[in-house]
Amino acid sequence: MASSKEYRDYIIEQAGLDGITHRPMMGEYLLYFKGILFGGIYDNRLLVKITAENGKFNMEKQLPYDGAKEMYMVDDTENADRLKDIILTTCKGLK
């Protein structure tokens, strides 16, 4: 199932961070913050890369697609402050 543009736009708006960009990839979206690939939207689920720093959020691991590495699923996208913190913490761990 492909992800919707509406969900993508919702996530970007909720994060409230200038500098988030996206690239379409086979019906899904890769997400970048200031040029750092931090995650993506897969089947209308926000998944972020696993880092030592973002483990503190106790997120569930999921596969974005068959054969991929596990990622953390952000299930509380309604909480804008937490979402922003997760993205910033993830990117910090990827530098």
PDB file of N, CA and C in Angstrom:
ATOM      1  N   MET A   1       0.848  -1.179   0.000  1.00  0.00           N
ATOM      2  CA  MET A   1       0.000   0.000   0.000  1.00  0.00           C
ATOM      3  C   MET A   1       0.889   1.236   0.000  1.00  0.00           C
ATOM      4  N   ALA A   2       0.640   2.141  -0.878  1.00  0.00           N
ATOM      5  CA  ALA A   2       1.405   3.381  -0.953  1.00  0.00           C
ATOM      6  C   ALA A   2       0.946   4.358   0.133  1.00  0.00           C
ATOM      7  N   SER A   3       1.867   5.189   0.541  1.00  0.00           N
ATOM      8  CA  SER A   3       1.539   6.212   1.542  1.00  0.00           C
ATOM      9  C   SER A   3       0.896   7.412   0.859  1.00  0.00           C
ATOM     10  N   SER A   4       0.061   8.107   1.599  1.00  0.00           N
ATOM     11  CA  SER A   4      -0.654   9.244   1.019  1.00  0.00           C
ATOM     12  C   SER A   4       0.127  10.544   1.192  1.00  0.00           C
ATOM     13  N   LYS A   5      -0.064  11.433   0.240  1.00  0.00           N
ATOM     14  CA  LYS A   5       0.545  12.767   0.329  1.00  0.00           C
ATOM     15  C   LYS A   5      -0.006  13.511   1.539  1.00  0.00           C
ATOM     16  N   GLU A   6      -1.254  13.257   1.873  1.00  0.00           N
ATOM     17  CA  GLU A   6      -1.880  13.924   3.019  1.00  0.00           C
ATOM     18  C   GLU A   6      -1.182  13.532   4.323  1.00  0.00           C
ATOM     19  N   TYR A   7      -0.862  12.248   4.478  1.00  0.00           N
ATOM     20  CA  TYR A   7      -0.163  11.804   5.685  1.00  0.00           C
ATOM     21  C   TYR A   7       1.246  12.392   5.725  1.00  0.00           C
ATOM     22  N   ARG A   8       1.913  12.384   4.588  1.00  0.00           N
ATOM     23  CA  ARG A   8       3.255  12.986   4.502  1.00  0.00           C
ATOM     24  C   ARG A   8       3.216  14.447   4.933  1.00  0.00           C
ATOM     25  N   ASP A   9       2.271  15.195   4.387  1.00  0.00           N
ATOM     26  CA  ASP A   9       2.151  16.617   4.725  1.00  0.00           C
ATOM     27  C   ASP A   9       1.806  16.820   6.194  1.00  0.00           C
ATOM     28  N   TYR A  10       0.968  15.947   6.731  1.00  0.00           N
ATOM     29  CA  TYR A  10       0.598  16.015   8.148  1.00  0.00           C
ATOM     30  C   TYR A  10       1.832  15.845   9.039  1.00  0.00           C
ATOM     31  N   ILE A  11       2.644  14.846   8.738  1.00  0.00           N
ATOM     32  CA  ILE A  11       3.851  14.588   9.538  1.00  0.00           C
ATOM     33  C   ILE A  11       4.796  15.780   9.473  1.00  0.00           C
ATOM     34  N   ILE A  12       5.036  16.298   8.295  1.00  0.00           N
ATOM     35  CA  ILE A  12       5.945  17.439   8.146  1.00  0.00           C
ATOM     36  C   ILE A  12       5.416  18.652   8.901  1.00  0.00           C
ATOM     37  N   GLU A  13       4.127  18.889   8.822  1.00  0.00           N
ATOM     38  CA  GLU A  13       3.517  20.023   9.536  1.00  0.00           C
ATOM     39  C   GLU A  13       3.590  19.820  11.050  1.00  0.00           C
ATOM     40  N   GLN A  14       3.275  18.603  11.517  1.00  0.00           N
ATOM     41  CA  GLN A  14       3.311  18.305  12.951  1.00  0.00           C
ATOM     42  C   GLN A  14       4.698  18.506  13.541  1.00  0.00           C
ATOM     43  N   ALA A  15       5.729  18.152  12.792  1.00  0.00           N
ATOM     44  CA  ALA A  15       7.096  18.261  13.298  1.00  0.00           C
ATOM     45  C   ALA A  15       7.483  19.713  13.548  1.00  0.00           C
ATOM     46  N   GLY A  16       6.960  20.614  12.748  1.00  0.00           N
ATOM     47  CA  GLY A  16       7.220  22.033  12.957  1.00  0.00           C
ATOM     48  C   GLY A  16       8.687  22.428  12.819  1.00  0.00           C
ATOM     49  N   LEU A  17       9.423  21.728  11.980  1.00  0.00           N
ATOM     50  CA  LEU A  17      10.846  22.016  11.787  1.00  0.00           C
ATOM     51  C   LEU A  17      11.093  22.542  10.380  1.00  0.00           C
ATOM     52  N   ASP A  18      11.707  23.705  10.277  1.00  0.00           N
ATOM     53  CA  ASP A  18      12.139  24.178   8.971  1.00  0.00           C
ATOM     54  C   ASP A  18      13.306  23.306   8.542  1.00  0.00           C
ATOM     55  N   GLY A  19      13.318  22.894   7.315  1.00  0.00           N
ATOM     56  CA  GLY A  19      14.423  22.092   6.824  1.00  0.00           C
ATOM     57  C   GLY A  19      14.075  20.637   6.573  1.00  0.00           C
ATOM     58  N   ILE A  20      12.823  20.230   6.839  1.00  0.00           N
ATOM     59  CA  ILE A  20      12.418  18.861   6.492  1.00  0.00           C
ATOM     60  C   ILE A  20      12.043  18.826   5.018  1.00  0.00           C
ATOM     61  N   THR A  21      12.656  17.891   4.315  1.00  0.00           N
ATOM     62  CA  THR A  21      12.328  17.687   2.907  1.00  0.00           C
ATOM     63  C   THR A  21      11.997  16.213   2.711  1.00  0.00           C
ATOM     64  N   HIS A  22      11.477  15.895   1.545  1.00  0.00           N
ATOM     65  CA  HIS A  22      11.097  14.507   1.253  1.00  0.00           C
ATOM     66  C   HIS A  22      11.397  14.178  -0.193  1.00  0.00           C
ATOM     67  N   ARG A  23      11.564  12.877  -0.427  1.00  0.00           N
ATOM     68  CA  ARG A  23      11.735  12.361  -1.780  1.00  0.00           C
ATOM     69  C   ARG A  23      10.832  11.150  -1.932  1.00  0.00           C
ATOM     70  N   PRO A  24      10.081  11.096  -3.014  1.00  0.00           N
ATOM     71  CA  PRO A  24       9.256   9.907  -3.242  1.00  0.00           C
ATOM     72  C   PRO A  24      10.130   8.705  -3.600  1.00  0.00           C
ATOM     73  N   MET A  25       9.706   7.533  -3.112  1.00  0.00           N
ATOM     74  CA  MET A  25      10.427   6.300  -3.424  1.00  0.00           C
ATOM     75  C   MET A  25       9.414   5.156  -3.506  1.00  0.00           C
ATOM     76  N   MET A  26       9.086   4.758  -4.702  1.00  0.00           N
ATOM     77  CA  MET A  26       8.213   3.607  -4.938  1.00  0.00           C
ATOM     78  C   MET A  26       6.916   3.678  -4.116  1.00  0.00           C
ATOM     79  N   GLY A  27       6.248   4.803  -4.134  1.00  0.00           N
ATOM     80  CA  GLY A  27       4.975   4.959  -3.438  1.00  0.00           C
ATOM     81  C   GLY A  27       5.103   5.348  -1.981  1.00  0.00           C
ATOM     82  N   GLU A  28       6.328   5.482  -1.509  1.00  0.00           N
ATOM     83  CA  GLU A  28       6.583   5.876  -0.122  1.00  0.00           C
ATOM     84  C   GLU A  28       7.402   7.161  -0.148  1.00  0.00           C
ATOM     85  N   TYR A  29       7.830   7.649   1.033  1.00  0.00           N
ATOM     86  CA  TYR A  29       8.581   8.902   1.092  1.00  0.00           C
ATOM     87  C   TYR A  29       9.775   8.783   2.028  1.00  0.00           C
ATOM     88  N   LEU A  30      10.943   9.180   1.543  1.00  0.00           N
ATOM     89  CA  LEU A  30      12.118   9.302   2.382  1.00  0.00           C
ATOM     90  C   LEU A  30      12.102  10.698   2.988  1.00  0.00           C
ATOM     91  N   LEU A  31      12.454  10.806   4.263  1.00  0.00           N
ATOM     92  CA  LEU A  31      12.414  12.090   4.955  1.00  0.00           C
ATOM     93  C   LEU A  31      13.820  12.516   5.364  1.00  0.00           C
ATOM     94  N   TYR A  32      14.115  13.782   5.137  1.00  0.00           N
ATOM     95  CA  TYR A  32      15.421  14.366   5.442  1.00  0.00           C
ATOM     96  C   TYR A  32      15.218  15.595   6.324  1.00  0.00           C
ATOM     97  N   PHE A  33      16.174  15.837   7.208  1.00  0.00           N
ATOM     98  CA  PHE A  33      16.209  17.088   7.958  1.00  0.00           C
ATOM     99  C   PHE A  33      17.582  17.702   7.748  1.00  0.00           C
ATOM    100  N   LYS A  34      17.586  18.849   7.104  1.00  0.00           N
ATOM    101  CA  LYS A  34      18.838  19.546   6.773  1.00  0.00           C
ATOM    102  C   LYS A  34      19.827  18.607   6.089  1.00  0.00           C
ATOM    103  N   GLY A  35      19.310  17.821   5.149  1.00  0.00           N
ATOM    104  CA  GLY A  35      20.136  16.933   4.352  1.00  0.00           C
ATOM    105  C   GLY A  35      20.425  15.567   4.951  1.00  0.00           C
ATOM    106  N   ILE A  36      19.997  15.325   6.191  1.00  0.00           N
ATOM    107  CA  ILE A  36      20.241  14.037   6.848  1.00  0.00           C
ATOM    108  C   ILE A  36      19.017  13.141   6.669  1.00  0.00           C
ATOM    109  N   LEU A  37      19.208  11.984   6.063  1.00  0.00           N
ATOM    110  CA  LEU A  37      18.125  11.010   5.907  1.00  0.00           C
ATOM    111  C   LEU A  37      17.860  10.380   7.270  1.00  0.00           C
ATOM    112  N   PHE A  38      16.733  10.730   7.877  1.00  0.00           N
ATOM    113  CA  PHE A  38      16.442  10.233   9.225  1.00  0.00           C
ATOM    114  C   PHE A  38      15.355   9.176   9.262  1.00  0.00           C
ATOM    115  N   GLY A  39      14.597   9.030   8.199  1.00  0.00           N
ATOM    116  CA  GLY A  39      13.516   8.052   8.213  1.00  0.00           C
ATOM    117  C   GLY A  39      12.660   8.149   6.973  1.00  0.00           C
ATOM    118  N   GLY A  40      11.443   7.660   7.110  1.00  0.00           N
ATOM    119  CA  GLY A  40      10.539   7.696   5.981  1.00  0.00           C
ATOM    120  C   GLY A  40       9.120   7.364   6.380  1.00  0.00           C
ATOM    121  N   ILE A  41       8.257   7.502   5.415  1.00  0.00           N
ATOM    122  CA  ILE A  41       6.853   7.160   5.596  1.00  0.00           C
ATOM    123  C   ILE A  41       6.594   5.928   4.728  1.00  0.00           C
ATOM    124  N   TYR A  42       6.199   4.853   5.393  1.00  0.00           N
ATOM    125  CA  TYR A  42       5.965   3.569   4.741  1.00  0.00           C
ATOM    126  C   TYR A  42       4.581   3.068   5.150  1.00  0.00           C
ATOM    127  N   ASP A  43       3.715   2.859   4.185  1.00  0.00           N
ATOM    128  CA  ASP A  43       2.343   2.410   4.455  1.00  0.00           C
ATOM    129  C   ASP A  43       1.675   3.310   5.498  1.00  0.00           C
ATOM    130  N   ASN A  44       1.840   4.610   5.337  1.00  0.00           N
ATOM    131  CA  ASN A  44       1.287   5.611   6.260  1.00  0.00           C
ATOM    132  C   ASN A  44       1.718   5.375   7.709  1.00  0.00           C
ATOM    133  N   ARG A  45       2.980   4.960   7.871  1.00  0.00           N
ATOM    134  CA  ARG A  45       3.604   4.837   9.188  1.00  0.00           C
ATOM    135  C   ARG A  45       4.894   5.639   9.141  1.00  0.00           C
ATOM    136  N   LEU A  46       5.127   6.441  10.172  1.00  0.00           N
ATOM    137  CA  LEU A  46       6.381   7.179  10.272  1.00  0.00           C
ATOM    138  C   LEU A  46       7.411   6.291  10.947  1.00  0.00           C
ATOM    139  N   LEU A  47       8.491   5.990  10.228  1.00  0.00           N
ATOM    140  CA  LEU A  47       9.574   5.178  10.758  1.00  0.00           C
ATOM    141  C   LEU A  47      10.853   5.991  10.728  1.00  0.00           C
ATOM    142  N   VAL A  48      11.641   5.888  11.804  1.00  0.00           N
ATOM    143  CA  VAL A  48      12.926   6.585  11.868  1.00  0.00           C
ATOM    144  C   VAL A  48      14.042   5.567  12.052  1.00  0.00           C
ATOM    145  N   LYS A  49      15.230   5.939  11.605  1.00  0.00           N
ATOM    146  CA  LYS A  49      16.389   5.057  11.749  1.00  0.00           C
ATOM    147  C   LYS A  49      16.686   4.841  13.225  1.00  0.00           C
ATOM    148  N   ILE A  50      17.224   3.690  13.534  1.00  0.00           N
ATOM    149  CA  ILE A  50      17.587   3.347  14.906  1.00  0.00           C
ATOM    150  C   ILE A  50      18.977   3.900  15.199  1.00  0.00           C
ATOM    151  N   THR A  51      19.073   4.675  16.274  1.00  0.00           N
ATOM    152  CA  THR A  51      20.364   5.186  16.744  1.00  0.00           C
ATOM    153  C   THR A  51      20.447   4.933  18.251  1.00  0.00           C
ATOM    154  N   ALA A  52      21.649   5.026  18.785  1.00  0.00           N
ATOM    155  CA  ALA A  52      21.816   4.877  20.236  1.00  0.00           C
ATOM    156  C   ALA A  52      21.062   5.990  20.973  1.00  0.00           C
ATOM    157  N   GLU A  53      21.030   7.150  20.376  1.00  0.00           N
ATOM    158  CA  GLU A  53      20.407   8.309  21.018  1.00  0.00           C
ATOM    159  C   GLU A  53      18.880   8.220  21.090  1.00  0.00           C
ATOM    160  N   ASN A  54      18.226   7.672  20.067  1.00  0.00           N
ATOM    161  CA  ASN A  54      16.754   7.686  20.081  1.00  0.00           C
ATOM    162  C   ASN A  54      16.147   6.449  20.740  1.00  0.00           C
ATOM    163  N   GLY A  55      16.986   5.558  21.256  1.00  0.00           N
ATOM    164  CA  GLY A  55      16.486   4.405  21.991  1.00  0.00           C
ATOM    165  C   GLY A  55      15.714   4.788  23.244  1.00  0.00           C
ATOM    166  N   LYS A  56      15.999   5.969  23.782  1.00  0.00           N
ATOM    167  CA  LYS A  56      15.345   6.427  25.013  1.00  0.00           C
ATOM    168  C   LYS A  56      13.840   6.645  24.857  1.00  0.00           C
ATOM    169  N   PHE A  57      13.347   6.699  23.625  1.00  0.00           N
ATOM    170  CA  PHE A  57      11.924   6.936  23.400  1.00  0.00           C
ATOM    171  C   PHE A  57      11.092   5.656  23.461  1.00  0.00           C
ATOM    172  N   ASN A  58      11.746   4.505  23.594  1.00  0.00           N
ATOM    173  CA  ASN A  58      11.056   3.217  23.724  1.00  0.00           C
ATOM    174  C   ASN A  58      10.022   2.975  22.620  1.00  0.00           C
ATOM    175  N   MET A  59      10.454   3.136  21.390  1.00  0.00           N
ATOM    176  CA  MET A  59       9.562   2.924  20.252  1.00  0.00           C
ATOM    177  C   MET A  59       9.655   1.481  19.776  1.00  0.00           C
ATOM    178  N   GLU A  60       8.601   1.012  19.172  1.00  0.00           N
ATOM    179  CA  GLU A  60       8.537  -0.348  18.640  1.00  0.00           C
ATOM    180  C   GLU A  60       9.345  -0.445  17.345  1.00  0.00           C
ATOM    181  N   LYS A  61      10.075  -1.543  17.178  1.00  0.00           N
ATOM    182  CA  LYS A  61      10.807  -1.779  15.942  1.00  0.00           C
ATOM    183  C   LYS A  61       9.876  -2.414  14.913  1.00  0.00           C
ATOM    184  N   GLN A  62       9.973  -1.929  13.681  1.00  0.00           N
ATOM    185  CA  GLN A  62       9.188  -2.487  12.579  1.00  0.00           C
ATOM    186  C   GLN A  62      10.016  -2.461  11.311  1.00  0.00           C
ATOM    187  N   LEU A  63       9.617  -3.276  10.357  1.00  0.00           N
ATOM    188  CA  LEU A  63      10.257  -3.284   9.048  1.00  0.00           C
ATOM    189  C   LEU A  63       9.505  -2.342   8.115  1.00  0.00           C
ATOM    190  N   PRO A  64      10.219  -1.482   7.407  1.00  0.00           N
ATOM    191  CA  PRO A  64       9.528  -0.628   6.445  1.00  0.00           C
ATOM    192  C   PRO A  64       8.991  -1.418   5.259  1.00  0.00           C
ATOM    193  N   TYR A  65       9.735  -2.459   4.873  1.00  0.00           N
ATOM    194  CA  TYR A  65       9.338  -3.352   3.779  1.00  0.00           C
ATOM    195  C   TYR A  65      10.176  -4.623   3.898  1.00  0.00           C
ATOM    196  N   ASP A  66       9.766  -5.662   3.240  1.00  0.00           N
ATOM    197  CA  ASP A  66      10.482  -6.942   3.315  1.00  0.00           C
ATOM    198  C   ASP A  66      11.931  -6.781   2.872  1.00  0.00           C
ATOM    199  N   GLY A  67      12.828  -7.322   3.659  1.00  0.00           N
ATOM    200  CA  GLY A  67      14.236  -7.284   3.327  1.00  0.00           C
ATOM    201  C   GLY A  67      14.982  -6.060   3.829  1.00  0.00           C
ATOM    202  N   ALA A  68      14.286  -5.146   4.449  1.00  0.00           N
ATOM    203  CA  ALA A  68      14.912  -3.917   4.950  1.00  0.00           C
ATOM    204  C   ALA A  68      15.387  -4.089   6.382  1.00  0.00           C
ATOM    205  N   LYS A  69      16.203  -3.148   6.846  1.00  0.00           N
ATOM    206  CA  LYS A  69      16.606  -3.126   8.245  1.00  0.00           C
ATOM    207  C   LYS A  69      15.451  -2.605   9.085  1.00  0.00           C
ATOM    208  N   GLU A  70      15.401  -3.056  10.336  1.00  0.00           N
ATOM    209  CA  GLU A  70      14.370  -2.567  11.245  1.00  0.00           C
ATOM    210  C   GLU A  70      14.561  -1.071  11.510  1.00  0.00           C
ATOM    211  N   MET A  71      13.441  -0.426  11.773  1.00  0.00           N
ATOM    212  CA  MET A  71      13.420   0.989  12.122  1.00  0.00           C
ATOM    213  C   MET A  71      12.463   1.157  13.300  1.00  0.00           C
ATOM    214  N   TYR A  72      12.526   2.302  13.945  1.00  0.00           N
ATOM    215  CA  TYR A  72      11.578   2.594  15.013  1.00  0.00           C
ATOM    216  C   TYR A  72      10.327   3.237  14.422  1.00  0.00           C
ATOM    217  N   MET A  73       9.164   2.798  14.889  1.00  0.00           N
ATOM    218  CA  MET A  73       7.908   3.401  14.465  1.00  0.00           C
ATOM    219  C   MET A  73       7.497   4.473  15.479  1.00  0.00           C
ATOM    220  N   VAL A  74       7.221   5.653  14.966  1.00  0.00           N
ATOM    221  CA  VAL A  74       6.732   6.743  15.806  1.00  0.00           C
ATOM    222  C   VAL A  74       5.219   6.630  15.819  1.00  0.00           C
ATOM    223  N   ASP A  75       4.670   6.160  16.943  1.00  0.00           N
ATOM    224  CA  ASP A  75       3.224   5.927  16.986  1.00  0.00           C
ATOM    225  C   ASP A  75       2.447   7.095  17.568  1.00  0.00           C
ATOM    226  N   ASP A  76       3.131   8.026  18.226  1.00  0.00           N
ATOM    227  CA  ASP A  76       2.450   9.172  18.843  1.00  0.00           C
ATOM    228  C   ASP A  76       2.711  10.436  18.024  1.00  0.00           C
ATOM    229  N   THR A  77       2.218  10.452  16.799  1.00  0.00           N
ATOM    230  CA  THR A  77       2.462  11.603  15.932  1.00  0.00           C
ATOM    231  C   THR A  77       1.601  12.803  16.299  1.00  0.00           C
ATOM    232  N   GLU A  78       0.617  12.607  17.162  1.00  0.00           N
ATOM    233  CA  GLU A  78      -0.234  13.715  17.625  1.00  0.00           C
ATOM    234  C   GLU A  78       0.539  14.659  18.546  1.00  0.00           C
ATOM    235  N   ASN A  79       1.552  14.146  19.230  1.00  0.00           N
ATOM    236  CA  ASN A  79       2.344  14.918  20.171  1.00  0.00           C
ATOM    237  C   ASN A  79       3.471  15.618  19.408  1.00  0.00           C
ATOM    238  N   ALA A  80       3.226  16.855  19.006  1.00  0.00           N
ATOM    239  CA  ALA A  80       4.166  17.586  18.156  1.00  0.00           C
ATOM    240  C   ALA A  80       5.525  17.791  18.829  1.00  0.00           C
ATOM    241  N   ASP A  81       5.531  18.079  20.117  1.00  0.00           N
ATOM    242  CA  ASP A  81       6.808  18.298  20.817  1.00  0.00           C
ATOM    243  C   ASP A  81       7.643  17.027  20.839  1.00  0.00           C
ATOM    244  N   ARG A  82       7.005  15.900  21.106  1.00  0.00           N
ATOM    245  CA  ARG A  82       7.723  14.616  21.136  1.00  0.00           C
ATOM    246  C   ARG A  82       8.226  14.255  19.746  1.00  0.00           C
ATOM    247  N   LEU A  83       7.402  14.470  18.742  1.00  0.00           N
ATOM    248  CA  LEU A  83       7.781  14.180  17.362  1.00  0.00           C
ATOM    249  C   LEU A  83       9.020  14.988  16.973  1.00  0.00           C
ATOM    250  N   LYS A  84       8.999  16.261  17.282  1.00  0.00           N
ATOM    251  CA  LYS A  84      10.145  17.125  16.994  1.00  0.00           C
ATOM    252  C   LYS A  84      11.393  16.627  17.715  1.00  0.00           C
ATOM    253  N   ASP A  85      11.251  16.257  18.974  1.00  0.00           N
ATOM    254  CA  ASP A  85      12.374  15.751  19.766  1.00  0.00           C
ATOM    255  C   ASP A  85      12.928  14.456  19.176  1.00  0.00           C
ATOM    256  N   ILE A  86      12.045  13.566  18.743  1.00  0.00           N
ATOM    257  CA  ILE A  86      12.488  12.303  18.137  1.00  0.00           C
ATOM    258  C   ILE A  86      13.299  12.571  16.874  1.00  0.00           C
ATOM    259  N   ILE A  87      12.823  13.456  16.030  1.00  0.00           N
ATOM    260  CA  ILE A  87      13.525  13.764  14.778  1.00  0.00           C
ATOM    261  C   ILE A  87      14.890  14.392  15.061  1.00  0.00           C
ATOM    262  N   LEU A  88      14.931  15.370  15.951  1.00  0.00           N
ATOM    263  CA  LEU A  88      16.201  16.035  16.277  1.00  0.00           C
ATOM    264  C   LEU A  88      17.193  15.069  16.921  1.00  0.00           C
ATOM    265  N   THR A  89      16.716  14.227  17.818  1.00  0.00           N
ATOM    266  CA  THR A  89      17.577  13.254  18.485  1.00  0.00           C
ATOM    267  C   THR A  89      18.102  12.219  17.492  1.00  0.00           C
ATOM    268  N   THR A  90      17.245  11.767  16.588  1.00  0.00           N
ATOM    269  CA  THR A  90      17.656  10.805  15.570  1.00  0.00           C
ATOM    270  C   THR A  90      18.746  11.407  14.679  1.00  0.00           C
ATOM    271  N   CYS A  91      18.524  12.623  14.231  1.00  0.00           N
ATOM    272  CA  CYS A  91      19.504  13.275  13.357  1.00  0.00           C
ATOM    273  C   CYS A  91      20.826  13.501  14.079  1.00  0.00           C
ATOM    274  N   LYS A  92      20.771  13.821  15.345  1.00  0.00           N
ATOM    275  CA  LYS A  92      21.987  14.000  16.130  1.00  0.00           C
ATOM    276  C   LYS A  92      22.804  12.706  16.139  1.00  0.00           C
ATOM    277  N   GLY A  93      22.114  11.580  16.246  1.00  0.00           N
ATOM    278  CA  GLY A  93      22.779  10.291  16.246  1.00  0.00           C
ATOM    279  C   GLY A  93      23.310   9.854  14.899  1.00  0.00           C
ATOM    280  N   LEU A  94      22.861  10.504  13.837  1.00  0.00           N
ATOM    281  CA  LEU A  94      23.276  10.137  12.481  1.00  0.00           C
ATOM    282  C   LEU A  94      24.407  11.013  11.945  1.00  0.00           C
ATOM    283  N   LYS A  95      24.791  12.028  12.690  1.00  0.00           N
ATOM    284  CA  LYS A  95      25.850  12.934  12.219  1.00  0.00           C
ATOM    285  C   LYS A  95      27.196  12.289  12.284  1.00  0.00           C
TER     286      LYS A  95
END
